Amino acid sequence: MFYVMHLLSLQDVQGSLERSKPRKHDS
């Protein structure tokens, strides 16, 4: 299940980046 773990890792990295650089979400 390396693929699944890879996806989770990518999500974690993206979340970390978002926390590091707060972006304004236009809704």
PDB file of N, CA and C in Angstrom:
ATOM      1  N   MET A   1       0.850  -1.208   0.000  1.00  0.00           N
ATOM      2  CA  MET A   1       0.000   0.000   0.000  1.00  0.00           C
ATOM      3  C   MET A   1       0.880   1.251   0.000  1.00  0.00           C
ATOM      4  N   PHE A   2       1.959   1.192  -0.756  1.00  0.00           N
ATOM      5  CA  PHE A   2       2.887   2.337  -0.792  1.00  0.00           C
ATOM      6  C   PHE A   2       2.193   3.543  -1.408  1.00  0.00           C
ATOM      7  N   TYR A   3       1.336   3.285  -2.419  1.00  0.00           N
ATOM      8  CA  TYR A   3       0.676   4.389  -3.112  1.00  0.00           C
ATOM      9  C   TYR A   3      -0.195   5.196  -2.150  1.00  0.00           C
ATOM     10  N   VAL A   4      -0.955   4.480  -1.312  1.00  0.00           N
ATOM     11  CA  VAL A   4      -1.836   5.160  -0.351  1.00  0.00           C
ATOM     12  C   VAL A   4      -1.003   5.986   0.615  1.00  0.00           C
ATOM     13  N   MET A   5       0.071   5.398   1.125  1.00  0.00           N
ATOM     14  CA  MET A   5       0.921   6.121   2.075  1.00  0.00           C
ATOM     15  C   MET A   5       1.518   7.346   1.398  1.00  0.00           C
ATOM     16  N   HIS A   6       1.836   7.207   0.100  1.00  0.00           N
ATOM     17  CA  HIS A   6       2.411   8.336  -0.630  1.00  0.00           C
ATOM     18  C   HIS A   6       1.389   9.471  -0.709  1.00  0.00           C
ATOM     19  N   LEU A   7       0.129   9.125  -0.999  1.00  0.00           N
ATOM     20  CA  LEU A   7      -0.914  10.146  -1.080  1.00  0.00           C
ATOM     21  C   LEU A   7      -1.068  10.843   0.263  1.00  0.00           C
ATOM     22  N   LEU A   8      -1.079  10.063   1.347  1.00  0.00           N
ATOM     23  CA  LEU A   8      -1.219  10.648   2.676  1.00  0.00           C
ATOM     24  C   LEU A   8      -0.049  11.581   2.947  1.00  0.00           C
ATOM     25  N   SER A   9       1.136  11.176   2.523  1.00  0.00           N
ATOM     26  CA  SER A   9       2.323  12.003   2.747  1.00  0.00           C
ATOM     27  C   SER A   9       2.176  13.329   1.999  1.00  0.00           C
ATOM     28  N   LEU A  10       1.691  13.260   0.760  1.00  0.00           N
ATOM     29  CA  LEU A  10       1.523  14.482  -0.030  1.00  0.00           C
ATOM     30  C   LEU A  10       0.525  15.410   0.656  1.00  0.00           C
ATOM     31  N   GLN A  11      -0.578  14.839   1.149  1.00  0.00           N
ATOM     32  CA  GLN A  11      -1.582  15.661   1.824  1.00  0.00           C
ATOM     33  C   GLN A  11      -0.975  16.316   3.058  1.00  0.00           C
ATOM     34  N   ASP A  12      -0.172  15.549   3.789  1.00  0.00           N
ATOM     35  CA  ASP A  12       0.443  16.089   4.997  1.00  0.00           C
ATOM     36  C   ASP A  12       1.367  17.246   4.639  1.00  0.00           C
ATOM     37  N   VAL A  13       2.142  17.084   3.575  1.00  0.00           N
ATOM     38  CA  VAL A  13       3.071  18.136   3.147  1.00  0.00           C
ATOM     39  C   VAL A  13       2.288  19.377   2.720  1.00  0.00           C
ATOM     40  N   GLN A  14       1.223  19.172   1.949  1.00  0.00           N
ATOM     41  CA  GLN A  14       0.427  20.311   1.500  1.00  0.00           C
ATOM     42  C   GLN A  14      -0.163  21.049   2.696  1.00  0.00           C
ATOM     43  N   GLY A  15      -0.673  20.294   3.671  1.00  0.00           N
ATOM     44  CA  GLY A  15      -1.255  20.903   4.865  1.00  0.00           C
ATOM     45  C   GLY A  15      -0.202  21.688   5.613  1.00  0.00           C
ATOM     46  N   SER A  16       1.000  21.135   5.688  1.00  0.00           N
ATOM     47  CA  SER A  16       2.083  21.810   6.395  1.00  0.00           C
ATOM     48  C   SER A  16       2.421  23.124   5.693  1.00  0.00           C
ATOM     49  N   LEU A  17       2.469  23.089   4.368  1.00  0.00           N
ATOM     50  CA  LEU A  17       2.787  24.297   3.603  1.00  0.00           C
ATOM     51  C   LEU A  17       1.698  25.342   3.819  1.00  0.00           C
ATOM     52  N   GLU A  18       0.442  24.893   3.805  1.00  0.00           N
ATOM     53  CA  GLU A  18      -0.660  25.840   3.995  1.00  0.00           C
ATOM     54  C   GLU A  18      -0.556  26.490   5.369  1.00  0.00           C
ATOM     55  N   ARG A  19      -0.185  25.706   6.383  1.00  0.00           N
ATOM     56  CA  ARG A  19      -0.051  26.269   7.724  1.00  0.00           C
ATOM     57  C   ARG A  19       1.106  27.253   7.750  1.00  0.00           C
ATOM     58  N   SER A  20       2.175  26.911   7.017  1.00  0.00           N
ATOM     59  CA  SER A  20       3.353  27.775   7.006  1.00  0.00           C
ATOM     60  C   SER A  20       3.022  29.091   6.301  1.00  0.00           C
ATOM     61  N   LYS A  21       2.319  28.979   5.145  1.00  0.00           N
ATOM     62  CA  LYS A  21       1.969  30.193   4.412  1.00  0.00           C
ATOM     63  C   LYS A  21       0.449  30.329   4.356  1.00  0.00           C
ATOM     64  N   PRO A  22      -0.153  31.074   5.267  1.00  0.00           N
ATOM     65  CA  PRO A  22      -1.609  31.264   5.296  1.00  0.00           C
ATOM     66  C   PRO A  22      -2.084  32.004   4.047  1.00  0.00           C
ATOM     67  N   ARG A  23      -3.013  31.369   3.321  1.00  0.00           N
ATOM     68  CA  ARG A  23      -3.554  32.013   2.117  1.00  0.00           C
ATOM     69  C   ARG A  23      -5.005  32.396   2.347  1.00  0.00           C
ATOM     70  N   LYS A  24      -5.442  33.464   1.713  1.00  0.00           N
ATOM     71  CA  LYS A  24      -6.834  33.895   1.862  1.00  0.00           C
ATOM     72  C   LYS A  24      -7.703  33.099   0.896  1.00  0.00           C
ATOM     73  N   HIS A  25      -8.713  32.429   1.439  1.00  0.00           N
ATOM     74  CA  HIS A  25      -9.611  31.632   0.595  1.00  0.00           C
ATOM     75  C   HIS A  25     -10.812  32.482   0.200  1.00  0.00           C
ATOM     76  N   ASP A  26     -10.926  32.751  -1.102  1.00  0.00           N
ATOM     77  CA  ASP A  26     -12.062  33.542  -1.572  1.00  0.00           C
ATOM     78  C   ASP A  26     -13.234  32.623  -1.843  1.00  0.00           C
ATOM     79  N   SER A  27     -14.302  32.728  -1.047  1.00  0.00           N
ATOM     80  CA  SER A  27     -15.455  31.860  -1.240  1.00  0.00           C
ATOM     81  C   SER A  27     -16.616  32.664  -1.817  1.00  0.00           C
TER      82      SER A  27
END
